Amino acid sequence: MRADALPALPASTGLSRLLLWSAYVGVWIVVGLFLAVAELQHYLRLGGAHPWEPFLWELSSTLTSAGLVLLVFRWHRHLFERDRALVERVGGHVLGLLLYVLLHSAGMYAVRFVVYAAAGVAYEPGSVARVLTYEAAKDTVSYLLIVLVCHGVLLFLREQQRRRDWQRLNDELTQARLARLTEQIQPHFLFNTLNLVSSVMYEDVERADRILSDLAELLRRSLEAGRQPTHSLRDEMRLAQPFLSIMSQRFGGRLSSRIDMSEEALNTQVPSLVLMSPLENAVKHGVAQSGSPVDIRLSAAVSGGMLELAVADSAGRMERDERPGGLGLSNTRERLAAMYGDAASVSLTRDDGHTVLRMRWPCNSAFSSGAPA
């Protein structure tokens, strides 16, 4: 669809269509009754003998107009949905006006003749030329107003269509961006883990076997996580725990980990693999480069509708991944920004002897608290 093309009318269900048509007819009836009441006062002052006549006149006019407005809308849309010269559009509406006057006059006078005949009351509106001349003056104004309203409706529909198209494209771009970032993360932790297995398999076969078992679990979970942009924090921990187990196998007593996460936080959705880069950084820039014992703490809590997820490293070396071109924290920031915009934040601070990476974003507890651990 071209940028200036006018959209099709939105589809509706049977019930909503019935309600829409009922409301449409109801509005025209109310307008007709309003005009009839106003005309009735004038009619009675002139000594009219049939109080129902003003209601017949106005309702026959408004209900005929109700049907013709739909035709005018379609005609106006036909004239403006393609590139047409101004002369062609004006000429089209001149033709539309002539047809509107003829059809409006024919419709309402046909109804009037039928009702007057049924009531046994004489009705003499005058000659055809006189009637058309009288009605043409009023119908010209009515037609112009109808065209203006129709054009406003079409512009509104086009703007709504543009918004839907923009949202669809934005969603597609966001998903593509998240897929690209996830693809960057997955090989990153996979290669590091394979290097870990390679480094210990000749030193301790039993330890290598345990690491390979954890690696198999890690790969299986990561493949499952890679198929969806989000999952529960509980599922994310099913990835983090095999990774920490592998790291513990490598570093032995030099690495300890503690996990403190509330049940509400565990049931909250998080971006898939969001913990993997921070954990790798904690190991790579903390445990691997420190000869002292290193404590890694994982914590999560929900407060004020926000999930706060923290990774604390007692070695205090996580900030090294802030270097230009680093994939760790830059990926984390980009993923959270793509999913949550300005509502998400990532920060590094020193707290109680630990360097703490804190990630915050609006939470969505879409999982049952009774989900299995």
Protein backbone atom coordinates (compact mmCIF):
# COMPACT_ATOMS: atom_id res chain seq x y z
CA MET A 1 0.00 0.00 0.00
CA ARG A 2 1.32 3.43 -0.93
CA ALA A 3 2.04 5.88 1.87
CA ASP A 4 -0.93 8.02 0.82
CA ALA A 5 -3.28 5.14 0.02
CA LEU A 6 -6.54 5.01 1.90
CA PRO A 7 -7.10 1.81 3.87
CA ALA A 8 -9.98 -0.61 3.69
CA LEU A 9 -12.59 -0.38 6.39
CA PRO A 10 -11.67 -2.51 9.42
CA ALA A 11 -13.29 -5.93 9.60
CA SER A 12 -15.81 -6.65 12.34
CA THR A 13 -17.61 -9.66 13.80
CA GLY A 14 -21.30 -10.35 13.25
CA LEU A 15 -22.32 -8.99 16.64
CA SER A 16 -20.16 -5.87 16.41
CA ARG A 17 -21.41 -5.25 12.88
CA LEU A 18 -25.02 -5.47 14.09
CA LEU A 19 -24.30 -3.06 16.94
CA LEU A 20 -22.51 -0.68 14.58
CA TRP A 21 -25.39 -0.61 12.11
CA SER A 22 -27.93 -0.23 14.92
CA ALA A 23 -26.00 2.74 16.28
CA TYR A 24 -25.71 4.26 12.81
CA VAL A 25 -29.46 4.03 12.13
CA GLY A 26 -30.22 5.17 15.67
CA VAL A 27 -28.19 8.35 15.23
CA TRP A 28 -30.06 9.24 12.04
CA ILE A 29 -33.43 8.56 13.70
CA VAL A 30 -32.50 10.83 16.61
CA VAL A 31 -31.46 13.57 14.17
CA GLY A 32 -34.73 13.15 12.27
CA LEU A 33 -36.79 13.32 15.45
CA PHE A 34 -34.92 16.41 16.61
CA LEU A 35 -35.63 18.17 13.30
CA ALA A 36 -39.24 16.95 13.36
CA VAL A 37 -39.89 18.39 16.83
CA ALA A 38 -38.46 21.72 15.72
CA GLU A 39 -40.59 21.68 12.56
CA LEU A 40 -43.70 20.62 14.55
CA GLN A 41 -43.77 23.91 16.46
CA HIS A 42 -43.74 25.89 13.22
CA TYR A 43 -46.31 23.54 11.69
CA LEU A 44 -48.77 23.99 14.58
CA ARG A 45 -48.41 27.75 14.53
CA LEU A 46 -49.50 27.70 10.88
CA GLY A 47 -52.60 25.69 11.82
CA GLY A 48 -51.53 22.28 10.53
CA ALA A 49 -54.16 19.57 10.94
CA HIS A 50 -51.93 16.47 11.00
CA PRO A 51 -49.17 16.61 13.66
CA TRP A 52 -47.55 13.48 12.19
CA GLU A 53 -46.65 15.29 8.97
CA PRO A 54 -43.46 17.01 10.26
CA PHE A 55 -42.23 13.63 11.50
CA LEU A 56 -42.90 12.07 8.09
CA TRP A 57 -41.11 14.89 6.27
CA GLU A 58 -37.98 14.92 8.41
CA LEU A 59 -37.64 11.17 8.98
CA SER A 60 -38.15 10.39 5.28
CA SER A 61 -35.39 12.89 4.51
CA THR A 62 -32.88 11.78 7.17
CA LEU A 63 -33.36 8.03 6.64
CA THR A 64 -32.95 8.41 2.89
CA SER A 65 -29.80 10.43 3.58
CA ALA A 66 -28.57 7.67 5.90
CA GLY A 67 -28.48 5.24 2.99
CA LEU A 68 -27.00 7.74 0.55
CA VAL A 69 -24.18 8.74 2.92
CA LEU A 70 -22.75 5.23 2.58
CA LEU A 71 -22.74 5.57 -1.20
CA VAL A 72 -21.12 9.02 -0.97
CA PHE A 73 -18.45 7.59 1.33
CA ARG A 74 -17.62 4.83 -1.15
CA TRP A 75 -17.63 7.28 -4.05
CA HIS A 76 -15.35 9.73 -2.23
CA ARG A 77 -13.02 6.89 -1.26
CA HIS A 78 -12.95 5.72 -4.90
CA LEU A 79 -11.99 9.22 -6.07
CA PHE A 80 -9.19 9.61 -3.52
CA GLU A 81 -7.67 6.14 -3.21
CA ARG A 82 -5.68 6.54 -6.44
CA ASP A 83 -3.69 9.40 -7.90
CA ARG A 84 -6.24 11.52 -9.72
CA ALA A 85 -6.14 15.07 -11.05
CA LEU A 86 -8.01 17.71 -9.09
CA VAL A 87 -10.29 18.33 -12.07
CA GLU A 88 -11.20 14.63 -12.15
CA ARG A 89 -12.00 14.61 -8.44
CA VAL A 90 -14.09 17.79 -8.61
CA GLY A 91 -15.89 16.50 -11.71
CA GLY A 92 -16.57 13.23 -9.94
CA HIS A 93 -18.17 15.03 -7.03
CA VAL A 94 -20.26 17.24 -9.33
CA LEU A 95 -21.65 14.03 -10.82
CA GLY A 96 -22.07 12.64 -7.31
CA LEU A 97 -24.00 15.75 -6.24
CA LEU A 98 -26.42 15.45 -9.16
CA LEU A 99 -27.06 11.79 -8.37
CA TYR A 100 -27.44 12.60 -4.68
CA VAL A 101 -30.12 15.22 -5.40
CA LEU A 102 -32.04 12.88 -7.69
CA LEU A 103 -31.84 9.84 -5.40
CA HIS A 104 -32.54 11.81 -2.22
CA SER A 105 -35.58 13.48 -3.73
CA ALA A 106 -36.88 10.28 -5.28
CA GLY A 107 -36.43 8.29 -2.06
CA MET A 108 -38.03 10.66 0.40
CA TYR A 109 -40.94 11.67 -1.87
CA ALA A 110 -41.67 8.02 -2.65
CA VAL A 111 -41.98 7.34 1.10
CA ARG A 112 -44.18 10.38 1.55
CA PHE A 113 -46.53 9.46 -1.28
CA VAL A 114 -46.94 5.95 0.15
CA VAL A 115 -47.69 7.19 3.69
CA TYR A 116 -50.06 9.93 2.53
CA ALA A 117 -51.93 7.45 0.36
CA ALA A 118 -52.20 5.00 3.26
CA ALA A 119 -53.50 7.80 5.52
CA GLY A 120 -56.00 8.98 2.90
CA VAL A 121 -54.57 12.50 2.91
CA ALA A 122 -53.96 14.47 -0.27
CA TYR A 123 -50.33 15.39 -0.97
CA GLU A 124 -49.34 17.91 -3.61
CA PRO A 125 -45.62 18.83 -3.37
CA GLY A 126 -45.62 20.58 -6.74
CA SER A 127 -44.06 19.90 -10.10
CA VAL A 128 -40.90 17.80 -10.49
CA ALA A 129 -38.90 20.85 -11.59
CA ARG A 130 -40.07 22.85 -8.58
CA VAL A 131 -39.29 19.99 -6.17
CA LEU A 132 -35.80 19.39 -7.61
CA THR A 133 -34.97 23.10 -7.58
CA TYR A 134 -36.07 23.38 -3.94
CA GLU A 135 -34.26 20.24 -2.82
CA ALA A 136 -31.08 20.93 -4.82
CA ALA A 137 -30.27 24.02 -2.78
CA LYS A 138 -30.44 22.12 0.51
CA ASP A 139 -28.84 18.96 -0.84
CA THR A 140 -25.82 20.85 -2.17
CA VAL A 141 -24.98 22.02 1.34
CA SER A 142 -25.70 18.56 2.76
CA TYR A 143 -23.52 16.87 0.14
CA LEU A 144 -20.56 19.16 0.81
CA LEU A 145 -20.82 18.53 4.56
CA ILE A 146 -21.06 14.77 3.99
CA VAL A 147 -17.95 14.83 1.76
CA LEU A 148 -16.00 16.77 4.39
CA VAL A 149 -16.98 14.30 7.10
CA CYS A 150 -16.14 11.33 4.83
CA HIS A 151 -12.74 12.78 4.06
CA GLY A 152 -12.06 13.26 7.76
CA VAL A 153 -13.02 9.63 8.42
CA LEU A 154 -10.76 8.42 5.62
CA LEU A 155 -7.83 10.46 6.90
CA PHE A 156 -8.40 9.02 10.37
CA LEU A 157 -8.45 5.46 8.98
CA ARG A 158 -5.29 6.11 6.98
CA GLU A 159 -3.51 7.43 10.07
CA GLN A 160 -4.61 4.35 12.03
CA GLN A 161 -3.29 2.13 9.25
CA ARG A 162 0.03 3.97 9.27
CA ARG A 163 0.29 3.49 13.00
CA ARG A 164 -0.41 -0.23 12.68
CA ASP A 165 2.13 -0.56 9.88
CA TRP A 166 4.72 1.35 11.87
CA GLN A 167 4.11 -0.79 14.96
CA ARG A 168 4.35 -3.98 12.91
CA LEU A 169 7.63 -2.88 11.33
CA ASN A 170 8.99 -1.74 14.68
CA ASP A 171 8.11 -5.10 16.24
CA GLU A 172 9.77 -6.96 13.37
CA LEU A 173 12.92 -4.83 13.63
CA THR A 174 13.02 -5.31 17.40
CA GLN A 175 12.70 -9.09 17.08
CA ALA A 176 15.42 -9.15 14.40
CA ARG A 177 17.67 -7.07 16.62
CA LEU A 178 17.08 -9.33 19.61
CA ALA A 179 17.77 -12.40 17.48
CA ARG A 180 21.08 -10.91 16.34
CA LEU A 181 22.12 -10.07 19.90
CA THR A 182 21.15 -13.52 21.15
CA GLU A 183 23.19 -15.13 18.37
CA GLN A 184 26.19 -13.12 19.55
CA ILE A 185 25.75 -14.26 23.14
CA GLN A 186 25.25 -17.98 22.51
CA PRO A 187 28.59 -18.66 20.75
CA HIS A 188 30.32 -16.49 23.36
CA PHE A 189 29.46 -18.64 26.38
CA LEU A 190 29.59 -21.85 24.32
CA PHE A 191 33.19 -21.29 23.20
CA ASN A 192 34.30 -20.37 26.71
CA THR A 193 32.67 -23.50 28.13
CA LEU A 194 34.28 -25.73 25.52
CA ASN A 195 37.66 -24.18 26.33
CA LEU A 196 36.99 -24.99 29.97
CA VAL A 197 36.31 -28.66 29.18
CA SER A 198 39.47 -28.78 27.08
CA SER A 199 41.54 -27.33 29.90
CA VAL A 200 40.56 -29.95 32.51
CA MET A 201 39.93 -33.13 30.54
CA TYR A 202 43.59 -34.23 30.69
CA GLU A 203 44.00 -33.40 34.37
CA ASP A 204 40.97 -35.10 35.91
CA VAL A 205 38.79 -37.41 33.80
CA GLU A 206 36.14 -37.68 36.50
CA ARG A 207 35.90 -33.89 36.76
CA ALA A 208 35.77 -33.61 32.98
CA ASP A 209 32.90 -36.11 32.94
CA ARG A 210 30.95 -34.01 35.44
CA ILE A 211 31.67 -30.90 33.42
CA LEU A 212 30.50 -32.58 30.21
CA SER A 213 27.26 -33.63 31.92
CA ASP A 214 26.69 -30.05 33.04
CA LEU A 215 27.65 -28.84 29.57
CA ALA A 216 25.08 -31.14 27.96
CA GLU A 217 22.41 -29.75 30.29
CA LEU A 218 23.57 -26.21 29.59
CA LEU A 219 23.45 -26.71 25.81
CA ARG A 220 20.02 -28.31 25.95
CA ARG A 221 18.63 -25.48 28.06
CA SER A 222 20.30 -22.81 25.92
CA LEU A 223 18.83 -24.28 22.72
CA GLU A 224 15.38 -24.23 24.31
CA ALA A 225 15.89 -20.66 25.50
CA GLY A 226 17.11 -19.56 22.06
CA ARG A 227 13.70 -20.34 20.55
CA GLN A 228 11.92 -17.66 22.57
CA PRO A 229 12.86 -14.09 23.51
CA THR A 230 11.76 -14.43 27.14
CA HIS A 231 11.14 -17.06 29.77
CA SER A 232 10.79 -17.16 33.55
CA LEU A 233 13.70 -16.32 35.82
CA ARG A 234 13.29 -19.85 37.14
CA ASP A 235 14.10 -21.16 33.65
CA GLU A 236 17.02 -18.75 33.40
CA MET A 237 18.43 -20.20 36.62
CA ARG A 238 18.27 -23.66 35.03
CA LEU A 239 20.88 -22.24 32.65
CA ALA A 240 22.90 -20.38 35.25
CA GLN A 241 23.25 -23.26 37.71
CA PRO A 242 24.96 -25.70 35.27
CA PHE A 243 27.29 -22.90 34.26
CA LEU A 244 28.22 -22.15 37.88
CA SER A 245 28.65 -25.87 38.47
CA ILE A 246 31.09 -26.06 35.56
CA MET A 247 33.02 -23.07 36.88
CA SER A 248 33.14 -24.61 40.35
CA GLN A 249 34.58 -27.78 38.85
CA ARG A 250 37.32 -25.74 37.26
CA PHE A 251 38.28 -23.45 40.12
CA GLY A 252 37.44 -25.71 43.05
CA GLY A 253 37.48 -23.92 46.39
CA ARG A 254 38.34 -20.54 44.83
CA LEU A 255 34.78 -20.05 43.61
CA SER A 256 31.69 -19.98 45.75
CA SER A 257 28.22 -18.84 44.75
CA ARG A 258 25.10 -17.80 46.61
CA ILE A 259 21.60 -17.37 45.25
CA ASP A 260 18.94 -15.22 46.90
CA MET A 261 15.82 -14.85 44.78
CA SER A 262 12.25 -14.37 45.89
CA GLU A 263 9.49 -16.65 44.63
CA GLU A 264 7.81 -13.69 42.95
CA ALA A 265 11.02 -12.86 41.11
CA LEU A 266 11.51 -16.46 39.98
CA ASN A 267 8.03 -16.39 38.40
CA THR A 268 8.79 -13.19 36.48
CA GLN A 269 9.67 -13.14 32.80
CA VAL A 270 13.21 -12.18 31.82
CA PRO A 271 15.05 -12.02 28.47
CA SER A 272 16.47 -15.42 27.60
CA LEU A 273 20.19 -15.81 28.50
CA VAL A 274 20.24 -12.44 30.28
CA LEU A 275 22.39 -13.82 33.12
CA MET A 276 24.98 -15.59 31.01
CA SER A 277 27.16 -12.61 30.02
CA PRO A 278 27.30 -11.16 33.56
CA LEU A 279 28.24 -14.57 34.96
CA GLU A 280 30.92 -15.06 32.32
CA ASN A 281 32.31 -11.62 33.12
CA ALA A 282 32.39 -12.42 36.82
CA VAL A 283 34.38 -15.57 36.10
CA LYS A 284 36.59 -14.19 33.34
CA HIS A 285 37.51 -10.92 35.02
CA GLY A 286 37.11 -12.07 38.60
CA VAL A 287 37.86 -15.69 39.41
CA ALA A 288 40.24 -16.35 36.49
CA GLN A 289 42.39 -13.33 37.31
CA SER A 290 42.40 -13.60 41.07
CA GLY A 291 44.41 -15.95 43.23
CA SER A 292 42.05 -15.42 46.18
CA PRO A 293 38.66 -16.99 46.80
CA VAL A 294 35.90 -15.22 44.91
CA ASP A 295 32.29 -14.99 45.95
CA ILE A 296 29.57 -14.59 43.30
CA ARG A 297 26.11 -13.64 44.49
CA LEU A 298 22.93 -13.77 42.44
CA SER A 299 19.89 -11.96 43.79
CA ALA A 300 16.50 -10.96 42.45
CA ALA A 301 13.50 -9.19 43.92
CA VAL A 302 10.37 -7.41 42.74
CA SER A 303 9.57 -3.96 44.06
CA GLY A 304 7.19 -1.30 42.76
CA GLY A 305 6.42 -3.28 39.62
CA MET A 306 10.12 -3.52 38.74
CA LEU A 307 12.35 -6.57 38.75
CA GLU A 308 15.88 -5.98 40.04
CA LEU A 309 18.38 -8.66 39.10
CA ALA A 310 21.90 -8.37 40.51
CA VAL A 311 25.18 -10.21 39.97
CA ALA A 312 27.83 -9.40 42.59
CA ASP A 313 31.53 -10.29 42.23
CA SER A 314 33.87 -9.99 45.21
CA ALA A 315 36.93 -9.77 42.91
CA GLY A 316 35.74 -6.38 41.66
CA ARG A 317 36.84 -6.86 38.03
CA MET A 318 33.55 -6.93 36.15
CA GLU A 319 33.97 -3.34 34.93
CA ARG A 320 36.71 -4.45 32.55
CA ASP A 321 34.03 -5.60 30.10
CA GLU A 322 33.12 -1.94 29.66
CA ARG A 323 35.98 -1.56 27.18
CA PRO A 324 34.97 -0.50 23.63
CA GLY A 325 33.83 -3.45 21.55
CA GLY A 326 33.09 -5.69 24.53
CA LEU A 327 30.10 -7.96 23.89
CA GLY A 328 29.03 -8.59 27.50
CA LEU A 329 27.41 -5.59 29.10
CA SER A 330 26.87 -3.82 25.78
CA ASN A 331 24.72 -6.75 24.63
CA THR A 332 22.84 -6.76 27.91
CA ARG A 333 22.12 -3.04 27.66
CA GLU A 334 21.03 -3.31 24.01
CA ARG A 335 18.72 -6.25 24.65
CA LEU A 336 17.02 -4.59 27.61
CA ALA A 337 16.72 -1.29 25.74
CA ALA A 338 15.20 -3.06 22.73
CA MET A 339 12.62 -4.84 24.89
CA TYR A 340 11.80 -2.24 27.55
CA GLY A 341 13.10 1.09 26.23
CA ASP A 342 13.98 3.75 28.80
CA ALA A 343 12.20 1.79 31.54
CA ALA A 344 15.20 -0.57 31.75
CA SER A 345 18.53 0.28 33.34
CA VAL A 346 21.93 -1.39 33.84
CA SER A 347 24.46 -0.10 36.37
CA LEU A 348 27.77 -1.10 38.00
CA THR A 349 28.45 -0.13 41.62
CA ARG A 350 30.65 -1.12 44.56
CA ASP A 351 28.74 -2.48 47.54
CA ASP A 352 30.00 -4.34 50.61
CA GLY A 353 33.29 -5.29 48.96
CA HIS A 354 31.60 -6.50 45.78
CA THR A 355 31.28 -5.04 42.32
CA VAL A 356 27.55 -5.30 41.64
CA LEU A 357 25.88 -5.34 38.26
CA ARG A 358 22.23 -4.33 38.68
CA MET A 359 19.63 -4.74 35.96
CA ARG A 360 16.13 -3.32 36.33
CA TRP A 361 13.07 -3.48 34.08
CA PRO A 362 9.28 -3.67 34.43
CA CYS A 363 8.30 -7.13 35.57
CA ASN A 364 5.59 -9.37 34.19
CA SER A 365 4.65 -12.18 36.54
CA ALA A 366 2.93 -14.21 33.84
CA PHE A 367 3.89 -17.57 35.35
CA SER A 368 2.10 -19.36 38.12
CA SER A 369 3.80 -19.29 41.49
CA GLY A 370 3.14 -22.99 41.63
CA ALA A 371 5.41 -23.70 38.68
CA PRO A 372 7.88 -26.47 39.38
CA ALA A 373 11.36 -25.47 40.45
